[in-house]
Amino acid sequence: MYSEFAVPITRLKQGHNLFEWHVGNEFFGSFENSEVLGADVDVKVDVMFDGCDVKVAGGISGNVTGVCDRGLENVSIPVSTAFED
């Protein structure tokens, strides 16, 4: 399952290589005892390949659903972050 999220480093072309994935319930459901009950998250990764240098930047945005500790009801939480190496 996780191979669909792998970046084929040996097949990168020079310059920017954009990868986009959707992470849903199936992904989080594959983890034992996951506290994530549902998910609708988009992932974007830009891998910049320049000779021997590889730089990675990207971000995630969407919603995850978990159980509220106080009311024990399902709660949808928006998530959004960006990253750069």
PDB file of N, CA and C in Angstrom:
ATOM      1  N   MET A   1       0.814  -1.204   0.000  1.00  0.00           N
ATOM      2  CA  MET A   1       0.000   0.000   0.000  1.00  0.00           C
ATOM      3  C   MET A   1       0.852   1.262   0.000  1.00  0.00           C
ATOM      4  N   TYR A   2       1.936   1.263   0.763  1.00  0.00           N
ATOM      5  CA  TYR A   2       2.716   2.481   0.904  1.00  0.00           C
ATOM      6  C   TYR A   2       3.556   2.778  -0.325  1.00  0.00           C
ATOM      7  N   SER A   3       3.731   1.823  -1.222  1.00  0.00           N
ATOM      8  CA  SER A   3       4.528   2.057  -2.425  1.00  0.00           C
ATOM      9  C   SER A   3       3.908   3.144  -3.302  1.00  0.00           C
ATOM     10  N   GLU A   4       2.601   3.328  -3.206  1.00  0.00           N
ATOM     11  CA  GLU A   4       1.981   4.389  -3.998  1.00  0.00           C
ATOM     12  C   GLU A   4       2.415   5.779  -3.536  1.00  0.00           C
ATOM     13  N   PHE A   5       2.969   5.876  -2.325  1.00  0.00           N
ATOM     14  CA  PHE A   5       3.445   7.149  -1.805  1.00  0.00           C
ATOM     15  C   PHE A   5       4.958   7.296  -1.926  1.00  0.00           C
ATOM     16  N   ALA A   6       5.602   6.369  -2.593  1.00  0.00           N
ATOM     17  CA  ALA A   6       7.060   6.407  -2.749  1.00  0.00           C
ATOM     18  C   ALA A   6       7.451   7.334  -3.906  1.00  0.00           C
ATOM     19  N   VAL A   7       8.541   8.049  -3.727  1.00  0.00           N
ATOM     20  CA  VAL A   7       9.078   8.903  -4.778  1.00  0.00           C
ATOM     21  C   VAL A   7      10.202   8.127  -5.464  1.00  0.00           C
ATOM     22  N   PRO A   8      10.100   7.903  -6.778  1.00  0.00           N
ATOM     23  CA  PRO A   8      11.113   7.114  -7.492  1.00  0.00           C
ATOM     24  C   PRO A   8      12.391   7.937  -7.731  1.00  0.00           C
ATOM     25  N   ILE A   9      13.225   8.024  -6.728  1.00  0.00           N
ATOM     26  CA  ILE A   9      14.421   8.875  -6.771  1.00  0.00           C
ATOM     27  C   ILE A   9      15.291   8.588  -7.991  1.00  0.00           C
ATOM     28  N   THR A  10      15.461   7.319  -8.348  1.00  0.00           N
ATOM     29  CA  THR A  10      16.348   6.968  -9.463  1.00  0.00           C
ATOM     30  C   THR A  10      15.772   7.371 -10.819  1.00  0.00           C
ATOM     31  N   ARG A  11      14.486   7.719 -10.876  1.00  0.00           N
ATOM     32  CA  ARG A  11      13.858   8.102 -12.145  1.00  0.00           C
ATOM     33  C   ARG A  11      13.480   9.578 -12.216  1.00  0.00           C
ATOM     34  N   LEU A  12      14.019  10.399 -11.320  1.00  0.00           N
ATOM     35  CA  LEU A  12      13.702  11.823 -11.347  1.00  0.00           C
ATOM     36  C   LEU A  12      14.358  12.482 -12.544  1.00  0.00           C
ATOM     37  N   LYS A  13      13.650  13.429 -13.143  1.00  0.00           N
ATOM     38  CA  LYS A  13      14.244  14.229 -14.214  1.00  0.00           C
ATOM     39  C   LYS A  13      14.870  15.476 -13.584  1.00  0.00           C
ATOM     40  N   GLN A  14      15.767  16.099 -14.291  1.00  0.00           N
ATOM     41  CA  GLN A  14      16.383  17.340 -13.804  1.00  0.00           C
ATOM     42  C   GLN A  14      15.298  18.391 -13.596  1.00  0.00           C
ATOM     43  N   GLY A  15      15.422  19.161 -12.534  1.00  0.00           N
ATOM     44  CA  GLY A  15      14.449  20.211 -12.255  1.00  0.00           C
ATOM     45  C   GLY A  15      13.374  19.750 -11.295  1.00  0.00           C
ATOM     46  N   HIS A  16      12.213  20.369 -11.413  1.00  0.00           N
ATOM     47  CA  HIS A  16      11.104  20.100 -10.495  1.00  0.00           C
ATOM     48  C   HIS A  16      10.331  18.848 -10.906  1.00  0.00           C
ATOM     49  N   ASN A  17       9.999  18.052  -9.910  1.00  0.00           N
ATOM     50  CA  ASN A  17       9.190  16.846 -10.092  1.00  0.00           C
ATOM     51  C   ASN A  17       8.053  16.917  -9.078  1.00  0.00           C
ATOM     52  N   LEU A  18       6.831  17.095  -9.558  1.00  0.00           N
ATOM     53  CA  LEU A  18       5.690  17.280  -8.665  1.00  0.00           C
ATOM     54  C   LEU A  18       4.943  15.965  -8.475  1.00  0.00           C
ATOM     55  N   PHE A  19       4.654  15.641  -7.215  1.00  0.00           N
ATOM     56  CA  PHE A  19       3.884  14.441  -6.865  1.00  0.00           C
ATOM     57  C   PHE A  19       2.687  14.884  -6.032  1.00  0.00           C
ATOM     58  N   GLU A  20       1.532  14.297  -6.317  1.00  0.00           N
ATOM     59  CA  GLU A  20       0.318  14.617  -5.572  1.00  0.00           C
ATOM     60  C   GLU A  20      -0.374  13.319  -5.198  1.00  0.00           C
ATOM     61  N   TRP A  21      -0.840  13.244  -3.948  1.00  0.00           N
ATOM     62  CA  TRP A  21      -1.551  12.077  -3.457  1.00  0.00           C
ATOM     63  C   TRP A  21      -2.766  12.521  -2.661  1.00  0.00           C
ATOM     64  N   HIS A  22      -3.729  11.626  -2.586  1.00  0.00           N
ATOM     65  CA  HIS A  22      -4.871  11.819  -1.694  1.00  0.00           C
ATOM     66  C   HIS A  22      -4.770  10.744  -0.619  1.00  0.00           C
ATOM     67  N   VAL A  23      -4.827  11.151   0.640  1.00  0.00           N
ATOM     68  CA  VAL A  23      -4.756  10.223   1.762  1.00  0.00           C
ATOM     69  C   VAL A  23      -6.132  10.178   2.405  1.00  0.00           C
ATOM     70  N   GLY A  24      -6.698   8.986   2.441  1.00  0.00           N
ATOM     71  CA  GLY A  24      -8.041   8.835   2.978  1.00  0.00           C
ATOM     72  C   GLY A  24      -8.113   7.807   4.089  1.00  0.00           C
ATOM     73  N   ASN A  25      -9.314   7.337   4.316  1.00  0.00           N
ATOM     74  CA  ASN A  25      -9.581   6.396   5.404  1.00  0.00           C
ATOM     75  C   ASN A  25      -8.751   5.123   5.300  1.00  0.00           C
ATOM     76  N   GLU A  26      -8.564   4.628   4.094  1.00  0.00           N
ATOM     77  CA  GLU A  26      -7.841   3.372   3.903  1.00  0.00           C
ATOM     78  C   GLU A  26      -6.406   3.466   4.429  1.00  0.00           C
ATOM     79  N   PHE A  27      -5.760   4.591   4.195  1.00  0.00           N
ATOM     80  CA  PHE A  27      -4.378   4.773   4.652  1.00  0.00           C
ATOM     81  C   PHE A  27      -4.294   4.687   6.174  1.00  0.00           C
ATOM     82  N   PHE A  28      -5.091   5.481   6.867  1.00  0.00           N
ATOM     83  CA  PHE A  28      -5.027   5.492   8.332  1.00  0.00           C
ATOM     84  C   PHE A  28      -5.590   4.200   8.928  1.00  0.00           C
ATOM     85  N   GLY A  29      -6.533   3.568   8.248  1.00  0.00           N
ATOM     86  CA  GLY A  29      -7.090   2.312   8.711  1.00  0.00           C
ATOM     87  C   GLY A  29      -6.086   1.172   8.705  1.00  0.00           C
ATOM     88  N   SER A  30      -5.007   1.314   7.932  1.00  0.00           N
ATOM     89  CA  SER A  30      -3.996   0.259   7.868  1.00  0.00           C
ATOM     90  C   SER A  30      -3.067   0.271   9.073  1.00  0.00           C
ATOM     91  N   PHE A  31      -3.136   1.314   9.906  1.00  0.00           N
ATOM     92  CA  PHE A  31      -2.322   1.389  11.120  1.00  0.00           C
ATOM     93  C   PHE A  31      -3.114   0.827  12.291  1.00  0.00           C
ATOM     94  N   GLU A  32      -2.512  -0.089  13.004  1.00  0.00           N
ATOM     95  CA  GLU A  32      -3.173  -0.682  14.161  1.00  0.00           C
ATOM     96  C   GLU A  32      -3.362   0.376  15.245  1.00  0.00           C
ATOM     97  N   ASN A  33      -4.528   0.415  15.848  1.00  0.00           N
ATOM     98  CA  ASN A  33      -4.848   1.343  16.939  1.00  0.00           C
ATOM     99  C   ASN A  33      -4.748   2.812  16.534  1.00  0.00           C
ATOM    100  N   SER A  34      -5.017   3.136  15.284  1.00  0.00           N
ATOM    101  CA  SER A  34      -4.970   4.524  14.841  1.00  0.00           C
ATOM    102  C   SER A  34      -6.104   5.312  15.484  1.00  0.00           C
ATOM    103  N   GLU A  35      -5.797   6.498  15.960  1.00  0.00           N
ATOM    104  CA  GLU A  35      -6.819   7.375  16.538  1.00  0.00           C
ATOM    105  C   GLU A  35      -7.546   8.175  15.466  1.00  0.00           C
ATOM    106  N   VAL A  36      -7.088   8.058  14.225  1.00  0.00           N
ATOM    107  CA  VAL A  36      -7.737   8.742  13.112  1.00  0.00           C
ATOM    108  C   VAL A  36      -8.850   7.833  12.586  1.00  0.00           C
ATOM    109  N   LEU A  37     -10.086   8.305  12.691  1.00  0.00           N
ATOM    110  CA  LEU A  37     -11.244   7.521  12.265  1.00  0.00           C
ATOM    111  C   LEU A  37     -11.603   7.761  10.809  1.00  0.00           C
ATOM    112  N   GLY A  38     -11.228   8.914  10.299  1.00  0.00           N
ATOM    113  CA  GLY A  38     -11.520   9.262   8.919  1.00  0.00           C
ATOM    114  C   GLY A  38     -10.555  10.321   8.452  1.00  0.00           C
ATOM    115  N   ALA A  39     -10.356  10.406   7.143  1.00  0.00           N
ATOM    116  CA  ALA A  39      -9.422  11.394   6.621  1.00  0.00           C
ATOM    117  C   ALA A  39      -9.775  11.771   5.194  1.00  0.00           C
ATOM    118  N   ASP A  40      -9.490  13.002   4.879  1.00  0.00           N
ATOM    119  CA  ASP A  40      -9.634  13.543   3.527  1.00  0.00           C
ATOM    120  C   ASP A  40      -8.524  14.573   3.386  1.00  0.00           C
ATOM    121  N   VAL A  41      -7.325  14.109   3.047  1.00  0.00           N
ATOM    122  CA  VAL A  41      -6.129  14.948   3.052  1.00  0.00           C
ATOM    123  C   VAL A  41      -5.433  14.888   1.695  1.00  0.00           C
ATOM    124  N   ASP A  42      -5.072  16.043   1.166  1.00  0.00           N
ATOM    125  CA  ASP A  42      -4.295  16.131  -0.066  1.00  0.00           C
ATOM    126  C   ASP A  42      -2.845  16.431   0.284  1.00  0.00           C
ATOM    127  N   VAL A  43      -1.939  15.718  -0.372  1.00  0.00           N
ATOM    128  CA  VAL A  43      -0.503  15.868  -0.142  1.00  0.00           C
ATOM    129  C   VAL A  43       0.144  16.264  -1.460  1.00  0.00           C
ATOM    130  N   LYS A  44       0.967  17.313  -1.417  1.00  0.00           N
ATOM    131  CA  LYS A  44       1.718  17.753  -2.598  1.00  0.00           C
ATOM    132  C   LYS A  44       3.192  17.823  -2.226  1.00  0.00           C
ATOM    133  N   VAL A  45       4.031  17.225  -3.060  1.00  0.00           N
ATOM    134  CA  VAL A  45       5.468  17.213  -2.817  1.00  0.00           C
ATOM    135  C   VAL A  45       6.182  17.624  -4.100  1.00  0.00           C
ATOM    136  N   ASP A  46       7.100  18.577  -3.979  1.00  0.00           N
ATOM    137  CA  ASP A  46       7.927  19.019  -5.098  1.00  0.00           C
ATOM    138  C   ASP A  46       9.360  18.587  -4.805  1.00  0.00           C
ATOM    139  N   VAL A  47       9.887  17.693  -5.641  1.00  0.00           N
ATOM    140  CA  VAL A  47      11.259  17.223  -5.483  1.00  0.00           C
ATOM    141  C   VAL A  47      12.098  17.900  -6.560  1.00  0.00           C
ATOM    142  N   MET A  48      13.036  18.727  -6.138  1.00  0.00           N
ATOM    143  CA  MET A  48      13.924  19.442  -7.052  1.00  0.00           C
ATOM    144  C   MET A  48      15.219  18.650  -7.173  1.00  0.00           C
ATOM    145  N   PHE A  49      15.497  18.158  -8.372  1.00  0.00           N
ATOM    146  CA  PHE A  49      16.686  17.354  -8.616  1.00  0.00           C
ATOM    147  C   PHE A  49      17.660  18.157  -9.467  1.00  0.00           C
ATOM    148  N   ASP A  50      18.879  18.322  -8.954  1.00  0.00           N
ATOM    149  CA  ASP A  50      19.904  19.089  -9.656  1.00  0.00           C
ATOM    150  C   ASP A  50      21.243  18.364  -9.505  1.00  0.00           C
ATOM    151  N   GLY A  51      21.532  17.455 -10.418  1.00  0.00           N
ATOM    152  CA  GLY A  51      22.779  16.692 -10.343  1.00  0.00           C
ATOM    153  C   GLY A  51      22.753  15.750  -9.159  1.00  0.00           C
ATOM    154  N   CYS A  52      23.579  16.034  -8.169  1.00  0.00           N
ATOM    155  CA  CYS A  52      23.625  15.196  -6.962  1.00  0.00           C
ATOM    156  C   CYS A  52      22.748  15.745  -5.844  1.00  0.00           C
ATOM    157  N   ASP A  53      22.216  16.945  -6.016  1.00  0.00           N
ATOM    158  CA  ASP A  53      21.373  17.557  -4.989  1.00  0.00           C
ATOM    159  C   ASP A  53      19.905  17.186  -5.186  1.00  0.00           C
ATOM    160  N   VAL A  54      19.255  16.872  -4.075  1.00  0.00           N
ATOM    161  CA  VAL A  54      17.815  16.628  -4.080  1.00  0.00           C
ATOM    162  C   VAL A  54      17.220  17.472  -2.957  1.00  0.00           C
ATOM    163  N   LYS A  55      16.308  18.364  -3.313  1.00  0.00           N
ATOM    164  CA  LYS A  55      15.621  19.191  -2.318  1.00  0.00           C
ATOM    165  C   LYS A  55      14.131  18.866  -2.371  1.00  0.00           C
ATOM    166  N   VAL A  56      13.526  18.818  -1.196  1.00  0.00           N
ATOM    167  CA  VAL A  56      12.119  18.432  -1.100  1.00  0.00           C
ATOM    168  C   VAL A  56      11.329  19.533  -0.399  1.00  0.00           C
ATOM    169  N   ALA A  57      10.191  19.872  -0.971  1.00  0.00           N
ATOM    170  CA  ALA A  57       9.269  20.827  -0.354  1.00  0.00           C
ATOM    171  C   ALA A  57       7.859  20.331  -0.625  1.00  0.00           C
ATOM    172  N   GLY A  58       6.929  20.724   0.209  1.00  0.00           N
ATOM    173  CA  GLY A  58       5.558  20.305  -0.029  1.00  0.00           C
ATOM    174  C   GLY A  58       4.624  20.734   1.069  1.00  0.00           C
ATOM    175  N   GLY A  59       3.465  20.121   1.076  1.00  0.00           N
ATOM    176  CA  GLY A  59       2.486  20.459   2.096  1.00  0.00           C
ATOM    177  C   GLY A  59       1.325  19.496   2.098  1.00  0.00           C
ATOM    178  N   ILE A  60       0.551  19.583   3.159  1.00  0.00           N
ATOM    179  CA  ILE A  60      -0.681  18.794   3.279  1.00  0.00           C
ATOM    180  C   ILE A  60      -1.814  19.724   3.674  1.00  0.00           C
ATOM    181  N   SER A  61      -3.012  19.385   3.252  1.00  0.00           N
ATOM    182  CA  SER A  61      -4.193  20.129   3.685  1.00  0.00           C
ATOM    183  C   SER A  61      -5.413  19.229   3.572  1.00  0.00           C
ATOM    184  N   GLY A  62      -6.326  19.402   4.490  1.00  0.00           N
ATOM    185  CA  GLY A  62      -7.545  18.608   4.484  1.00  0.00           C
ATOM    186  C   GLY A  62      -8.136  18.507   5.870  1.00  0.00           C
ATOM    187  N   ASN A  63      -8.829  17.408   6.119  1.00  0.00           N
ATOM    188  CA  ASN A  63      -9.486  17.173   7.401  1.00  0.00           C
ATOM    189  C   ASN A  63      -9.249  15.742   7.863  1.00  0.00           C
ATOM    190  N   VAL A  64      -9.095  15.581   9.177  1.00  0.00           N
ATOM    191  CA  VAL A  64      -9.045  14.252   9.785  1.00  0.00           C
ATOM    192  C   VAL A  64     -10.136  14.199  10.855  1.00  0.00           C
ATOM    193  N   THR A  65     -10.656  13.008  11.083  1.00  0.00           N
ATOM    194  CA  THR A  65     -11.706  12.822  12.078  1.00  0.00           C
ATOM    195  C   THR A  65     -11.185  11.913  13.181  1.00  0.00           C
ATOM    196  N   GLY A  66     -11.415  12.341  14.415  1.00  0.00           N
ATOM    197  CA  GLY A  66     -11.037  11.557  15.583  1.00  0.00           C
ATOM    198  C   GLY A  66     -12.116  11.676  16.633  1.00  0.00           C
ATOM    199  N   VAL A  67     -11.877  11.077  17.787  1.00  0.00           N
ATOM    200  CA  VAL A  67     -12.838  11.133  18.877  1.00  0.00           C
ATOM    201  C   VAL A  67     -12.416  12.223  19.860  1.00  0.00           C
ATOM    202  N   CYS A  68     -13.342  13.097  20.220  1.00  0.00           N
ATOM    203  CA  CYS A  68     -13.091  14.144  21.207  1.00  0.00           C
ATOM    204  C   CYS A  68     -12.878  13.500  22.579  1.00  0.00           C
ATOM    205  N   ASP A  69     -11.806  13.878  23.263  1.00  0.00           N
ATOM    206  CA  ASP A  69     -11.502  13.326  24.586  1.00  0.00           C
ATOM    207  C   ASP A  69     -12.553  13.705  25.630  1.00  0.00           C
ATOM    208  N   ARG A  70     -13.172  14.849  25.461  1.00  0.00           N
ATOM    209  CA  ARG A  70     -14.120  15.322  26.482  1.00  0.00           C
ATOM    210  C   ARG A  70     -15.526  14.774  26.280  1.00  0.00           C
ATOM    211  N   GLY A  71     -16.034  14.870  25.054  1.00  0.00           N
ATOM    212  CA  GLY A  71     -17.417  14.468  24.807  1.00  0.00           C
ATOM    213  C   GLY A  71     -17.565  13.099  24.178  1.00  0.00           C
ATOM    214  N   LEU A  72     -16.442  12.502  23.796  1.00  0.00           N
ATOM    215  CA  LEU A  72     -16.418  11.189  23.156  1.00  0.00           C
ATOM    216  C   LEU A  72     -17.241  11.129  21.874  1.00  0.00           C
ATOM    217  N   GLU A  73     -17.387  12.289  21.227  1.00  0.00           N
ATOM    218  CA  GLU A  73     -18.058  12.348  19.932  1.00  0.00           C
ATOM    219  C   GLU A  73     -17.010  12.552  18.850  1.00  0.00           C
ATOM    220  N   ASN A  74     -17.338  12.155  17.638  1.00  0.00           N
ATOM    221  CA  ASN A  74     -16.420  12.371  16.525  1.00  0.00           C
ATOM    222  C   ASN A  74     -16.265  13.865  16.262  1.00  0.00           C
ATOM    223  N   VAL A  75     -15.044  14.270  15.974  1.00  0.00           N
ATOM    224  CA  VAL A  75     -14.760  15.665  15.669  1.00  0.00           C
ATOM    225  C   VAL A  75     -13.867  15.720  14.431  1.00  0.00           C
ATOM    226  N   SER A  76     -14.229  16.595  13.500  1.00  0.00           N
ATOM    227  CA  SER A  76     -13.436  16.793  12.291  1.00  0.00           C
ATOM    228  C   SER A  76     -12.469  17.948  12.531  1.00  0.00           C
ATOM    229  N   ILE A  77     -11.182  17.687  12.280  1.00  0.00           N
ATOM    230  CA  ILE A  77     -10.145  18.679  12.559  1.00  0.00           C
ATOM    231  C   ILE A  77      -9.453  19.061  11.253  1.00  0.00           C
ATOM    232  N   PRO A  78      -9.462  20.353  10.909  1.00  0.00           N
ATOM    233  CA  PRO A  78      -8.734  20.769   9.700  1.00  0.00           C
ATOM    234  C   PRO A  78      -7.223  20.701   9.960  1.00  0.00           C
ATOM    235  N   VAL A  79      -6.483  20.206   8.967  1.00  0.00           N
ATOM    236  CA  VAL A  79      -5.027  20.145   9.058  1.00  0.00           C
ATOM    237  C   VAL A  79      -4.432  20.830   7.834  1.00  0.00           C
ATOM    238  N   SER A  80      -3.355  21.544   8.070  1.00  0.00           N
ATOM    239  CA  SER A  80      -2.658  22.226   6.984  1.00  0.00           C
ATOM    240  C   SER A  80      -1.247  22.550   7.440  1.00  0.00           C
ATOM    241  N   THR A  81      -0.262  22.170   6.669  1.00  0.00           N
ATOM    242  CA  THR A  81       1.120  22.494   6.994  1.00  0.00           C
ATOM    243  C   THR A  81       1.958  22.426   5.718  1.00  0.00           C
ATOM    244  N   ALA A  82       3.104  23.068   5.764  1.00  0.00           N
ATOM    245  CA  ALA A  82       4.048  23.045   4.649  1.00  0.00           C
ATOM    246  C   ALA A  82       5.412  22.664   5.200  1.00  0.00           C
ATOM    247  N   PHE A  83       6.250  22.120   4.326  1.00  0.00           N
ATOM    248  CA  PHE A  83       7.581  21.718   4.772  1.00  0.00           C
ATOM    249  C   PHE A  83       8.598  21.944   3.647  1.00  0.00           C
ATOM    250  N   GLU A  84       9.840  22.098   4.055  1.00  0.00           N
ATOM    251  CA  GLU A  84      10.967  22.277   3.156  1.00  0.00           C
ATOM    252  C   GLU A  84      12.186  21.656   3.792  1.00  0.00           C
ATOM    253  N   ASP A  85      13.071  21.075   2.994  1.00  0.00           N
ATOM    254  CA  ASP A  85      14.277  20.541   3.608  1.00  0.00           C
ATOM    255  C   ASP A  85      15.331  21.591   3.763  1.00  0.00           C
TER     256      ASP A  85
END
